Amino acid sequence: MVHSSQILPPLDTLETFSRAARLGSFSAAAKDAGITHGAVSRQILRLERWLGVRLFVRQARGVALTPEGIRFFARAQEALSLLSGTDERWIPRRHKTTVRLSVTPSVASLWLFARLAKLERDDLHIDLSLEHRLADLGEGTDLAIRCGKGPWAGVRAIALWQEKSFPIATPSLAVQLGRNCDGQSILTLPILHDSNIEGWRRWLAVENVHYLPRGQDRRFEDYNLVIDACQQGVGVALARPPLSDAAMASGRLVRICDREIDNHVSFHLVRPDGLIGASSTELAQRLLEEAGCSETAMAAFGIKGGNDRSGARKIQSDNLVARD
């Protein structure tokens, strides 16, 4: 799982680094792992950037560890040995096929995790990659969920849902506002938003209010942090159903204004523009069914909707490998 910890190095790079160190070659490491030479180079570069030191030097044939690389290799081997020797197995069970899904942290925590067991069932293992960067569907990622307007070149994308945005806050802040739910009244409180402030600008523009972020307002990279801060009474946020549904259903957040707008962007399920394996097809169908997509939209995406489980039956005969 990709993460952005400041304490730990990118864990997905450790095995690649150790493999390259043992074999003395990026090409050999790529062949051994079943990935491209470029993928190995990028992972090593990520690790070097995190560490702030060079780990390898190029030689006439292959690569060699720097003194810093030698020291880090010993620590990496200890960490990998500890993980591989634990009684708790971290690899999926052999009778499951694995699909790698790249998804933003907010969608994972606010929508996907609650549905994970239902999506995996008894035949699939979802290898989650939590990241914001553009998903590289040519580097082992099978499917991705990203937010934007689409369409994008070289891939197929389908909107998972259409968001109806409206202001939300804690019940206590809602009482403080009372019946004054116009834009100017809401702006007496801190505004919470993620990296895209266009939603608030569009909502306030209906009242001819030109919004610019102020010192009291707070910006967060992920929408799940927006929801967390809003639940703590830090300020007012815009709902983004279904990501905000759980917080509202619990009563921790309430709607403070009737007016709503269609969000200018949507979360999309993205797949390669071409044939995909049976397990990827099956997971895509399950995701789209959970999101409430129509059979017509699913067919346009290249996925057969409805109750036909032919994809699930075919998964059992797939080669049991990490990816299709």
C-alpha atoms as a PDB file:
ATOM      1  CA  MET A   1       0.000   0.000   0.000  1.00  0.00           C
ATOM      2  CA  VAL A   2       1.424   3.374  -0.969  1.00  0.00           C
ATOM      3  CA  HIS A   3       1.410   5.928   1.798  1.00  0.00           C
ATOM      4  CA  SER A   4       3.008   9.259   2.632  1.00  0.00           C
ATOM      5  CA  SER A   5       4.454   8.563   6.081  1.00  0.00           C
ATOM      6  CA  GLN A   6       7.250  10.930   7.123  1.00  0.00           C
ATOM      7  CA  ILE A   7       8.545   8.330   9.584  1.00  0.00           C
ATOM      8  CA  LEU A   8       8.762   5.257   7.361  1.00  0.00           C
ATOM      9  CA  PRO A   9      10.241   5.028   3.870  1.00  0.00           C
ATOM     10  CA  PRO A  10       7.856   4.135   1.012  1.00  0.00           C
ATOM     11  CA  LEU A  11       7.322   0.489   1.914  1.00  0.00           C
ATOM     12  CA  ASP A  12       6.515  -0.599  -1.644  1.00  0.00           C
ATOM     13  CA  THR A  13      10.055   0.383  -2.683  1.00  0.00           C
ATOM     14  CA  LEU A  14      11.948  -1.722  -0.133  1.00  0.00           C
ATOM     15  CA  GLU A  15      11.563  -5.071  -1.901  1.00  0.00           C
ATOM     16  CA  THR A  16      12.527  -3.547  -5.241  1.00  0.00           C
ATOM     17  CA  PHE A  17      15.582  -1.924  -3.665  1.00  0.00           C
ATOM     18  CA  SER A  18      16.628  -5.175  -1.968  1.00  0.00           C
ATOM     19  CA  ARG A  19      16.180  -7.147  -5.170  1.00  0.00           C
ATOM     20  CA  ALA A  20      18.304  -4.673  -7.167  1.00  0.00           C
ATOM     21  CA  ALA A  21      20.959  -4.680  -4.442  1.00  0.00           C
ATOM     22  CA  ARG A  22      21.173  -8.478  -4.416  1.00  0.00           C
ATOM     23  CA  LEU A  23      21.268  -8.834  -8.198  1.00  0.00           C
ATOM     24  CA  GLY A  24      23.420  -5.772  -8.911  1.00  0.00           C
ATOM     25  CA  SER A  25      21.230  -4.783 -11.837  1.00  0.00           C
ATOM     26  CA  PHE A  26      18.015  -2.839 -12.364  1.00  0.00           C
ATOM     27  CA  SER A  27      17.267  -4.918 -15.452  1.00  0.00           C
ATOM     28  CA  ALA A  28      17.702  -8.175 -13.550  1.00  0.00           C
ATOM     29  CA  ALA A  29      15.554  -6.860 -10.709  1.00  0.00           C
ATOM     30  CA  ALA A  30      12.828  -5.880 -13.190  1.00  0.00           C
ATOM     31  CA  LYS A  31      12.889  -9.316 -14.802  1.00  0.00           C
ATOM     32  CA  ASP A  32      12.826 -11.061 -11.434  1.00  0.00           C
ATOM     33  CA  ALA A  33       9.839  -8.992 -10.250  1.00  0.00           C
ATOM     34  CA  GLY A  34       7.967  -9.118 -13.556  1.00  0.00           C
ATOM     35  CA  ILE A  35       7.902  -5.341 -13.968  1.00  0.00           C
ATOM     36  CA  THR A  36       9.607  -2.899 -16.307  1.00  0.00           C
ATOM     37  CA  HIS A  37      13.103  -1.443 -15.951  1.00  0.00           C
ATOM     38  CA  GLY A  38      11.499   2.003 -15.763  1.00  0.00           C
ATOM     39  CA  ALA A  39       9.309   0.922 -12.836  1.00  0.00           C
ATOM     40  CA  VAL A  40      12.395  -0.230 -10.924  1.00  0.00           C
ATOM     41  CA  SER A  41      14.194   3.053 -11.641  1.00  0.00           C
ATOM     42  CA  ARG A  42      11.227   5.118 -10.467  1.00  0.00           C
ATOM     43  CA  GLN A  43      10.882   3.161  -7.221  1.00  0.00           C
ATOM     44  CA  ILE A  44      14.579   3.496  -6.443  1.00  0.00           C
ATOM     45  CA  LEU A  45      14.403   7.238  -7.194  1.00  0.00           C
ATOM     46  CA  ARG A  46      11.440   7.601  -4.807  1.00  0.00           C
ATOM     47  CA  LEU A  47      13.381   5.846  -2.078  1.00  0.00           C
ATOM     48  CA  GLU A  48      16.502   7.946  -2.677  1.00  0.00           C
ATOM     49  CA  ARG A  49      14.468  11.150  -2.555  1.00  0.00           C
ATOM     50  CA  TRP A  50      12.894  10.083   0.736  1.00  0.00           C
ATOM     51  CA  LEU A  51      16.283   9.178   2.247  1.00  0.00           C
ATOM     52  CA  GLY A  52      18.091  12.147   0.782  1.00  0.00           C
ATOM     53  CA  VAL A  53      21.065  10.011  -0.298  1.00  0.00           C
ATOM     54  CA  ARG A  54      22.137   8.045  -3.356  1.00  0.00           C
ATOM     55  CA  LEU A  55      21.851   4.300  -2.940  1.00  0.00           C
ATOM     56  CA  PHE A  56      23.402   3.115  -6.221  1.00  0.00           C
ATOM     57  CA  VAL A  57      26.150   4.117  -8.611  1.00  0.00           C
ATOM     58  CA  ARG A  58      26.163   2.946 -12.206  1.00  0.00           C
ATOM     59  CA  GLN A  59      28.981   0.693 -13.390  1.00  0.00           C
ATOM     60  CA  ALA A  60      29.965  -0.732 -16.748  1.00  0.00           C
ATOM     61  CA  ARG A  61      27.765  -3.705 -16.007  1.00  0.00           C
ATOM     62  CA  GLY A  62      24.868  -3.076 -13.690  1.00  0.00           C
ATOM     63  CA  VAL A  63      24.894  -1.018 -10.520  1.00  0.00           C
ATOM     64  CA  ALA A  64      26.684  -1.091  -7.173  1.00  0.00           C
ATOM     65  CA  LEU A  65      25.635   0.094  -3.729  1.00  0.00           C
ATOM     66  CA  THR A  66      27.056   3.314  -2.329  1.00  0.00           C
ATOM     67  CA  PRO A  67      28.298   3.262   1.293  1.00  0.00           C
ATOM     68  CA  GLU A  68      24.914   4.669   2.327  1.00  0.00           C
ATOM     69  CA  GLY A  69      23.229   2.009   0.201  1.00  0.00           C
ATOM     70  CA  ILE A  70      25.189  -0.745   1.933  1.00  0.00           C
ATOM     71  CA  ARG A  71      24.069   0.478   5.348  1.00  0.00           C
ATOM     72  CA  PHE A  72      20.463   0.864   4.274  1.00  0.00           C
ATOM     73  CA  PHE A  73      20.470  -2.569   2.590  1.00  0.00           C
ATOM     74  CA  ALA A  74      21.249  -4.205   5.932  1.00  0.00           C
ATOM     75  CA  ARG A  75      18.327  -2.393   7.585  1.00  0.00           C
ATOM     76  CA  ALA A  76      15.982  -3.169   4.698  1.00  0.00           C
ATOM     77  CA  GLN A  77      16.854  -6.865   4.888  1.00  0.00           C
ATOM     78  CA  GLU A  78      16.060  -6.859   8.604  1.00  0.00           C
ATOM     79  CA  ALA A  79      12.671  -5.223   7.975  1.00  0.00           C
ATOM     80  CA  LEU A  80      11.733  -7.569   5.131  1.00  0.00           C
ATOM     81  CA  SER A  81      12.863 -10.596   7.119  1.00  0.00           C
ATOM     82  CA  LEU A  82      10.687  -9.515  10.034  1.00  0.00           C
ATOM     83  CA  LEU A  83       7.636  -9.129   7.805  1.00  0.00           C
ATOM     84  CA  SER A  84       8.151 -12.421   5.962  1.00  0.00           C
ATOM     85  CA  GLY A  85       8.725 -14.351   9.180  1.00  0.00           C
ATOM     86  CA  THR A  86       5.638 -13.192  11.022  1.00  0.00           C
ATOM     87  CA  ASP A  87       2.879 -15.654  11.810  1.00  0.00           C
ATOM     88  CA  GLU A  88       0.367 -13.209  10.377  1.00  0.00           C
ATOM     89  CA  ARG A  89       0.333 -13.810   6.624  1.00  0.00           C
ATOM     90  CA  TRP A  90       0.249 -10.576   4.634  1.00  0.00           C
ATOM     91  CA  ILE A  91      -0.236 -12.195   1.227  1.00  0.00           C
ATOM     92  CA  PRO A  92      -3.704 -13.067  -0.111  1.00  0.00           C
ATOM     93  CA  ARG A  93      -4.886 -16.642   0.143  1.00  0.00           C
ATOM     94  CA  ARG A  94      -3.949 -18.776  -2.829  1.00  0.00           C
ATOM     95  CA  HIS A  95      -7.481 -19.409  -4.015  1.00  0.00           C
ATOM     96  CA  LYS A  96      -8.035 -15.686  -4.556  1.00  0.00           C
ATOM     97  CA  THR A  97      -7.012 -13.625  -7.546  1.00  0.00           C
ATOM     98  CA  THR A  98      -5.612 -10.158  -6.958  1.00  0.00           C
ATOM     99  CA  VAL A  99      -6.714  -6.917  -8.606  1.00  0.00           C
ATOM    100  CA  ARG A 100      -4.706  -3.779  -7.933  1.00  0.00           C
ATOM    101  CA  LEU A 101      -6.926  -0.752  -7.388  1.00  0.00           C
ATOM    102  CA  SER A 102      -5.449   2.745  -7.162  1.00  0.00           C
ATOM    103  CA  VAL A 103      -7.710   5.052  -5.166  1.00  0.00           C
ATOM    104  CA  THR A 104      -7.489   8.375  -3.349  1.00  0.00           C
ATOM    105  CA  PRO A 105      -7.390   8.219   0.476  1.00  0.00           C
ATOM    106  CA  SER A 106     -10.698  10.055   0.843  1.00  0.00           C
ATOM    107  CA  VAL A 107     -12.645   7.612  -1.327  1.00  0.00           C
ATOM    108  CA  ALA A 108     -10.959   4.691   0.439  1.00  0.00           C
ATOM    109  CA  SER A 109     -11.828   5.842   3.962  1.00  0.00           C
ATOM    110  CA  LEU A 110     -15.243   7.389   3.299  1.00  0.00           C
ATOM    111  CA  TRP A 111     -16.696   4.932   0.758  1.00  0.00           C
ATOM    112  CA  LEU A 112     -14.573   1.911  -0.134  1.00  0.00           C
ATOM    113  CA  PHE A 113     -13.548   0.464   3.243  1.00  0.00           C
ATOM    114  CA  ALA A 114     -17.166  -0.012   4.324  1.00  0.00           C
ATOM    115  CA  ARG A 115     -17.767  -2.059   1.171  1.00  0.00           C
ATOM    116  CA  LEU A 116     -14.448  -3.888   0.975  1.00  0.00           C
ATOM    117  CA  ALA A 117     -15.644  -7.265   2.260  1.00  0.00           C
ATOM    118  CA  LYS A 118     -18.635  -7.198  -0.081  1.00  0.00           C
ATOM    119  CA  LEU A 119     -16.435  -6.274  -3.034  1.00  0.00           C
ATOM    120  CA  GLU A 120     -13.856  -8.976  -2.350  1.00  0.00           C
ATOM    121  CA  ARG A 121     -16.258 -11.762  -1.292  1.00  0.00           C
ATOM    122  CA  ASP A 122     -14.582 -15.174  -1.421  1.00  0.00           C
ATOM    123  CA  ASP A 123     -12.846 -14.948  -4.788  1.00  0.00           C
ATOM    124  CA  LEU A 124     -11.011 -11.615  -5.028  1.00  0.00           C
ATOM    125  CA  HIS A 125      -8.273  -9.814  -3.135  1.00  0.00           C
ATOM    126  CA  ILE A 126      -8.064  -6.054  -3.718  1.00  0.00           C
ATOM    127  CA  ASP A 127      -4.507  -4.749  -3.546  1.00  0.00           C
ATOM    128  CA  LEU A 128      -5.075  -1.106  -2.608  1.00  0.00           C
ATOM    129  CA  SER A 129      -2.718   1.656  -3.647  1.00  0.00           C
ATOM    130  CA  LEU A 130      -3.620   4.903  -1.863  1.00  0.00           C
ATOM    131  CA  GLU A 131      -2.281   7.862  -3.797  1.00  0.00           C
ATOM    132  CA  HIS A 132      -3.124  11.193  -5.394  1.00  0.00           C
ATOM    133  CA  ARG A 133      -0.829  11.101  -8.395  1.00  0.00           C
ATOM    134  CA  LEU A 134      -2.035  10.067 -11.825  1.00  0.00           C
ATOM    135  CA  ALA A 135      -2.588   6.318 -11.857  1.00  0.00           C
ATOM    136  CA  ASP A 136      -0.232   4.510 -14.232  1.00  0.00           C
ATOM    137  CA  LEU A 137      -2.348   1.698 -15.635  1.00  0.00           C
ATOM    138  CA  GLY A 138       0.697   0.390 -17.467  1.00  0.00           C
ATOM    139  CA  GLU A 139       2.692  -0.253 -14.285  1.00  0.00           C
ATOM    140  CA  GLY A 140       0.672  -3.033 -12.676  1.00  0.00           C
ATOM    141  CA  THR A 141      -2.409  -1.003 -11.674  1.00  0.00           C
ATOM    142  CA  ASP A 142      -5.564  -2.655 -13.030  1.00  0.00           C
ATOM    143  CA  LEU A 143      -8.244  -0.097 -12.110  1.00  0.00           C
ATOM    144  CA  ALA A 144      -8.273   3.359 -10.568  1.00  0.00           C
ATOM    145  CA  ILE A 145     -10.725   5.790  -8.982  1.00  0.00           C
ATOM    146  CA  ARG A 146      -9.928   9.447  -9.603  1.00  0.00           C
ATOM    147  CA  CYS A 147     -11.769  12.763  -9.441  1.00  0.00           C
ATOM    148  CA  GLY A 148     -12.010  15.053 -12.449  1.00  0.00           C
ATOM    149  CA  LYS A 149     -14.082  16.063 -15.432  1.00  0.00           C
ATOM    150  CA  GLY A 150     -12.881  13.490 -17.973  1.00  0.00           C
ATOM    151  CA  PRO A 151     -12.646  12.119 -20.569  1.00  0.00           C
ATOM    152  CA  TRP A 152      -8.935  11.210 -20.529  1.00  0.00           C
ATOM    153  CA  ALA A 153      -6.853   9.981 -23.436  1.00  0.00           C
ATOM    154  CA  GLY A 154      -5.821   6.345 -23.537  1.00  0.00           C
ATOM    155  CA  VAL A 155      -8.265   5.098 -20.902  1.00  0.00           C
ATOM    156  CA  ARG A 156     -11.959   4.473 -20.393  1.00  0.00           C
ATOM    157  CA  ALA A 157     -13.668   6.273 -17.519  1.00  0.00           C
ATOM    158  CA  ILE A 158     -17.161   6.248 -16.076  1.00  0.00           C
ATOM    159  CA  ALA A 159     -18.587   8.589 -13.430  1.00  0.00           C
ATOM    160  CA  LEU A 160     -19.417   6.614 -10.301  1.00  0.00           C
ATOM    161  CA  TRP A 161     -21.956   9.127  -8.999  1.00  0.00           C
ATOM    162  CA  GLN A 162     -23.101  12.718  -9.449  1.00  0.00           C
ATOM    163  CA  GLU A 163     -22.613  14.794  -6.327  1.00  0.00           C
ATOM    164  CA  LYS A 164     -25.186  17.287  -5.069  1.00  0.00           C
ATOM    165  CA  SER A 165     -23.226  19.691  -2.873  1.00  0.00           C
ATOM    166  CA  PHE A 166     -24.664  21.784  -0.021  1.00  0.00           C
ATOM    167  CA  PRO A 167     -23.266  23.320   3.203  1.00  0.00           C
ATOM    168  CA  ILE A 168     -22.971  21.114   6.306  1.00  0.00           C
ATOM    169  CA  ALA A 169     -21.790  21.723   9.858  1.00  0.00           C
ATOM    170  CA  THR A 170     -22.108  20.367  13.370  1.00  0.00           C
ATOM    171  CA  PRO A 171     -25.519  20.731  15.031  1.00  0.00           C
ATOM    172  CA  SER A 172     -24.080  23.365  17.390  1.00  0.00           C
ATOM    173  CA  LEU A 173     -22.820  25.523  14.517  1.00  0.00           C
ATOM    174  CA  ALA A 174     -26.166  25.037  12.767  1.00  0.00           C
ATOM    175  CA  VAL A 175     -27.914  26.417  15.870  1.00  0.00           C
ATOM    176  CA  GLN A 176     -25.461  29.334  15.912  1.00  0.00           C
ATOM    177  CA  LEU A 177     -26.425  30.211  12.337  1.00  0.00           C
ATOM    178  CA  GLY A 178     -30.116  29.696  12.977  1.00  0.00           C
ATOM    179  CA  ARG A 179     -32.211  30.668   9.974  1.00  0.00           C
ATOM    180  CA  ASN A 180     -29.378  32.780   8.543  1.00  0.00           C
ATOM    181  CA  CYS A 181     -28.098  30.314   5.975  1.00  0.00           C
ATOM    182  CA  ASP A 182     -27.297  32.767   3.186  1.00  0.00           C
ATOM    183  CA  GLY A 183     -23.766  32.998   1.836  1.00  0.00           C
ATOM    184  CA  GLN A 184     -22.753  36.104   3.816  1.00  0.00           C
ATOM    185  CA  SER A 185     -23.909  34.522   7.092  1.00  0.00           C
ATOM    186  CA  ILE A 186     -22.051  31.298   6.378  1.00  0.00           C
ATOM    187  CA  LEU A 187     -18.919  33.326   5.658  1.00  0.00           C
ATOM    188  CA  THR A 188     -18.907  34.540   9.259  1.00  0.00           C
ATOM    189  CA  LEU A 189     -17.600  31.038  10.039  1.00  0.00           C
ATOM    190  CA  PRO A 190     -14.422  29.376   8.773  1.00  0.00           C
ATOM    191  CA  ILE A 191     -14.824  27.657   5.416  1.00  0.00           C
ATOM    192  CA  LEU A 192     -13.346  24.167   5.045  1.00  0.00           C
ATOM    193  CA  HIS A 193     -12.366  22.791   1.663  1.00  0.00           C
ATOM    194  CA  ASP A 194     -10.037  20.343  -0.025  1.00  0.00           C
ATOM    195  CA  SER A 195      -7.460  21.182  -2.685  1.00  0.00           C
ATOM    196  CA  ASN A 196     -10.247  22.314  -5.051  1.00  0.00           C
ATOM    197  CA  ILE A 197     -12.159  25.409  -3.885  1.00  0.00           C
ATOM    198  CA  GLU A 198     -14.264  25.656  -7.037  1.00  0.00           C
ATOM    199  CA  GLY A 199     -17.260  24.054  -5.294  1.00  0.00           C
ATOM    200  CA  TRP A 200     -17.527  26.837  -2.730  1.00  0.00           C
ATOM    201  CA  ARG A 201     -16.975  29.476  -5.383  1.00  0.00           C
ATOM    202  CA  ARG A 202     -19.832  28.083  -7.479  1.00  0.00           C
ATOM    203  CA  TRP A 203     -22.162  27.721  -4.490  1.00  0.00           C
ATOM    204  CA  LEU A 204     -21.547  31.302  -3.325  1.00  0.00           C
ATOM    205  CA  ALA A 205     -21.644  32.736  -6.853  1.00  0.00           C
ATOM    206  CA  VAL A 206     -25.404  32.124  -6.941  1.00  0.00           C
ATOM    207  CA  GLU A 207     -25.657  35.061  -4.516  1.00  0.00           C
ATOM    208  CA  ASN A 208     -23.080  37.066  -6.468  1.00  0.00           C
ATOM    209  CA  VAL A 209     -20.520  36.478  -3.721  1.00  0.00           C
ATOM    210  CA  HIS A 210     -16.980  36.222  -5.065  1.00  0.00           C
ATOM    211  CA  TYR A 211     -15.142  33.878  -2.726  1.00  0.00           C
ATOM    212  CA  LEU A 212     -11.425  34.058  -2.053  1.00  0.00           C
ATOM    213  CA  PRO A 213      -9.869  31.949   0.704  1.00  0.00           C
ATOM    214  CA  ARG A 214      -9.296  33.930   3.894  1.00  0.00           C
ATOM    215  CA  GLY A 215      -6.941  33.497   6.814  1.00  0.00           C
ATOM    216  CA  GLN A 216      -9.597  31.837   8.960  1.00  0.00           C
ATOM    217  CA  ASP A 217     -10.478  29.287   6.271  1.00  0.00           C
ATOM    218  CA  ARG A 218      -8.745  25.924   6.159  1.00  0.00           C
ATOM    219  CA  ARG A 219      -7.571  23.857   3.210  1.00  0.00           C
ATOM    220  CA  PHE A 220      -6.897  20.124   3.432  1.00  0.00           C
ATOM    221  CA  GLU A 221      -5.441  17.829   0.800  1.00  0.00           C
ATOM    222  CA  ASP A 222      -8.017  15.084   1.354  1.00  0.00           C
ATOM    223  CA  TYR A 223     -11.779  15.381   1.676  1.00  0.00           C
ATOM    224  CA  ASN A 224     -11.783  12.892   4.567  1.00  0.00           C
ATOM    225  CA  LEU A 225      -9.818  15.506   6.561  1.00  0.00           C
ATOM    226  CA  VAL A 226     -12.397  18.123   5.589  1.00  0.00           C
ATOM    227  CA  ILE A 227     -15.111  15.876   7.044  1.00  0.00           C
ATOM    228  CA  ASP A 228     -13.062  15.166  10.193  1.00  0.00           C
ATOM    229  CA  ALA A 229     -12.433  18.870  10.798  1.00  0.00           C
ATOM    230  CA  CYS A 230     -16.074  19.701  10.146  1.00  0.00           C
ATOM    231  CA  GLN A 231     -17.197  17.083  12.684  1.00  0.00           C
ATOM    232  CA  GLN A 232     -14.934  18.714  15.261  1.00  0.00           C
ATOM    233  CA  GLY A 233     -16.664  22.061  14.728  1.00  0.00           C
ATOM    234  CA  VAL A 234     -13.706  23.712  12.986  1.00  0.00           C
ATOM    235  CA  GLY A 235     -15.943  25.256  10.325  1.00  0.00           C
ATOM    236  CA  VAL A 236     -18.465  24.730   7.539  1.00  0.00           C
ATOM    237  CA  ALA A 237     -17.906  22.321   4.640  1.00  0.00           C
ATOM    238  CA  LEU A 238     -19.680  21.337   1.463  1.00  0.00           C
ATOM    239  CA  ALA A 239     -21.262  17.901   1.461  1.00  0.00           C
ATOM    240  CA  ARG A 240     -20.075  15.536  -1.258  1.00  0.00           C
ATOM    241  CA  PRO A 241     -22.514  12.609  -1.203  1.00  0.00           C
ATOM    242  CA  PRO A 242     -21.932   9.718  -0.857  1.00  0.00           C
ATOM    243  CA  LEU A 243     -18.598  10.554   0.826  1.00  0.00           C
ATOM    244  CA  SER A 244     -20.361  12.676   3.449  1.00  0.00           C
ATOM    245  CA  ASP A 245     -23.324  10.318   3.943  1.00  0.00           C
ATOM    246  CA  ALA A 246     -22.023   8.409   6.975  1.00  0.00           C
ATOM    247  CA  ALA A 247     -21.237  11.565   8.960  1.00  0.00           C
ATOM    248  CA  MET A 248     -24.708  12.943   8.237  1.00  0.00           C
ATOM    249  CA  ALA A 249     -26.486   9.655   8.944  1.00  0.00           C
ATOM    250  CA  SER A 250     -24.814   9.548  12.360  1.00  0.00           C
ATOM    251  CA  GLY A 251     -26.082  13.044  13.178  1.00  0.00           C
ATOM    252  CA  ARG A 252     -22.561  14.410  13.673  1.00  0.00           C
ATOM    253  CA  LEU A 253     -23.108  16.751  10.712  1.00  0.00           C
ATOM    254  CA  VAL A 254     -26.328  18.351   9.510  1.00  0.00           C
ATOM    255  CA  ARG A 255     -27.450  20.231   6.445  1.00  0.00           C
ATOM    256  CA  ILE A 256     -27.615  23.979   7.087  1.00  0.00           C
ATOM    257  CA  CYS A 257     -29.027  25.217   3.759  1.00  0.00           C
ATOM    258  CA  ASP A 258     -31.537  23.864   1.241  1.00  0.00           C
ATOM    259  CA  ARG A 259     -29.734  25.190  -1.831  1.00  0.00           C
ATOM    260  CA  GLU A 260     -27.533  22.667  -3.600  1.00  0.00           C
ATOM    261  CA  ILE A 261     -25.456  22.539  -6.758  1.00  0.00           C
ATOM    262  CA  ASP A 262     -24.155  19.821  -9.013  1.00  0.00           C
ATOM    263  CA  ASN A 263     -20.480  19.352  -8.313  1.00  0.00           C
ATOM    264  CA  HIS A 264     -18.345  20.402 -11.273  1.00  0.00           C
ATOM    265  CA  VAL A 265     -16.203  17.258 -11.014  1.00  0.00           C
ATOM    266  CA  SER A 266     -16.981  13.593 -10.421  1.00  0.00           C
ATOM    267  CA  PHE A 267     -15.216  10.522  -9.153  1.00  0.00           C
ATOM    268  CA  HIS A 268     -14.591   8.133 -12.030  1.00  0.00           C
ATOM    269  CA  LEU A 269     -13.701   4.481 -12.287  1.00  0.00           C
ATOM    270  CA  VAL A 270     -10.843   4.278 -14.791  1.00  0.00           C
ATOM    271  CA  ARG A 271      -9.636   1.241 -16.746  1.00  0.00           C
ATOM    272  CA  PRO A 272      -7.232   0.704 -19.659  1.00  0.00           C
ATOM    273  CA  ASP A 273      -8.704   1.310 -23.098  1.00  0.00           C
ATOM    274  CA  GLY A 274      -8.538  -2.268 -24.287  1.00  0.00           C
ATOM    275  CA  LEU A 275      -9.146  -5.786 -23.084  1.00  0.00           C
ATOM    276  CA  ILE A 276      -8.874  -6.360 -19.340  1.00  0.00           C
ATOM    277  CA  GLY A 277      -8.755  -9.616 -17.417  1.00  0.00           C
ATOM    278  CA  ALA A 278     -11.719 -11.431 -15.947  1.00  0.00           C
ATOM    279  CA  SER A 279     -10.896 -10.522 -12.354  1.00  0.00           C
ATOM    280  CA  SER A 280     -10.545  -6.821 -13.225  1.00  0.00           C
ATOM    281  CA  THR A 281     -13.829  -6.993 -15.113  1.00  0.00           C
ATOM    282  CA  GLU A 282     -15.536  -8.600 -12.145  1.00  0.00           C
ATOM    283  CA  LEU A 283     -14.259  -6.020  -9.671  1.00  0.00           C
ATOM    284  CA  ALA A 284     -15.245  -3.179 -12.015  1.00  0.00           C
ATOM    285  CA  GLN A 285     -18.764  -4.589 -12.196  1.00  0.00           C
ATOM    286  CA  ARG A 286     -19.015  -4.864  -8.422  1.00  0.00           C
ATOM    287  CA  LEU A 287     -17.757  -1.299  -7.932  1.00  0.00           C
ATOM    288  CA  LEU A 288     -20.234   0.063 -10.460  1.00  0.00           C
ATOM    289  CA  GLU A 289     -23.108  -1.869  -8.907  1.00  0.00           C
ATOM    290  CA  GLU A 290     -22.209  -0.498  -5.468  1.00  0.00           C
ATOM    291  CA  ALA A 291     -22.154   3.019  -6.929  1.00  0.00           C
ATOM    292  CA  GLY A 292     -25.600   2.504  -8.463  1.00  0.00           C
ATOM    293  CA  CYS A 293     -24.537   2.827 -12.108  1.00  0.00           C
ATOM    294  CA  SER A 294     -27.045   1.801 -14.744  1.00  0.00           C
ATOM    295  CA  GLU A 295     -26.583  -1.236 -16.970  1.00  0.00           C
ATOM    296  CA  THR A 296     -26.469   1.094 -19.985  1.00  0.00           C
ATOM    297  CA  ALA A 297     -23.558   3.051 -18.494  1.00  0.00           C
ATOM    298  CA  MET A 298     -21.800  -0.157 -17.515  1.00  0.00           C
ATOM    299  CA  ALA A 299     -22.155  -1.523 -21.035  1.00  0.00           C
ATOM    300  CA  ALA A 300     -20.652   1.674 -22.459  1.00  0.00           C
ATOM    301  CA  PHE A 301     -17.755   1.186 -20.081  1.00  0.00           C
ATOM    302  CA  GLY A 302     -17.284  -2.320 -21.460  1.00  0.00           C
ATOM    303  CA  ILE A 303     -18.739  -4.107 -18.416  1.00  0.00           C
ATOM    304  CA  LYS A 304     -21.833  -6.295 -18.549  1.00  0.00           C
ATOM    305  CA  GLY A 305     -24.193  -5.333 -15.749  1.00  0.00           C
ATOM    306  CA  GLY A 306     -27.064  -7.119 -14.084  1.00  0.00           C
ATOM    307  CA  ASN A 307     -26.945 -10.409 -12.228  1.00  0.00           C
ATOM    308  CA  ASP A 308     -24.827 -12.282 -14.783  1.00  0.00           C
ATOM    309  CA  ARG A 309     -21.957 -13.677 -12.778  1.00  0.00           C
ATOM    310  CA  SER A 310     -20.103 -15.218 -15.709  1.00  0.00           C
ATOM    311  CA  GLY A 311     -17.127 -13.060 -14.804  1.00  0.00           C
ATOM    312  CA  ALA A 312     -17.034 -14.549 -11.327  1.00  0.00           C
ATOM    313  CA  ARG A 313     -17.136 -18.077 -12.739  1.00  0.00           C
ATOM    314  CA  LYS A 314     -14.308 -17.297 -15.101  1.00  0.00           C
ATOM    315  CA  ILE A 315     -12.158 -15.958 -12.273  1.00  0.00           C
ATOM    316  CA  GLN A 316     -11.927 -19.445 -10.836  1.00  0.00           C
ATOM    317  CA  SER A 317     -10.141 -20.617 -13.967  1.00  0.00           C
ATOM    318  CA  ASP A 318      -7.753 -17.641 -14.171  1.00  0.00           C
ATOM    319  CA  ASN A 319      -4.108 -18.264 -13.441  1.00  0.00           C
ATOM    320  CA  LEU A 320      -3.659 -17.484  -9.764  1.00  0.00           C
ATOM    321  CA  VAL A 321      -1.214 -14.631 -10.149  1.00  0.00           C
ATOM    322  CA  ALA A 322      -0.980 -11.203  -8.588  1.00  0.00           C
ATOM    323  CA  ARG A 323      -2.476  -9.468 -11.615  1.00  0.00           C
ATOM    324  CA  ASP A 324      -4.217 -10.371 -14.870  1.00  0.00           C
END
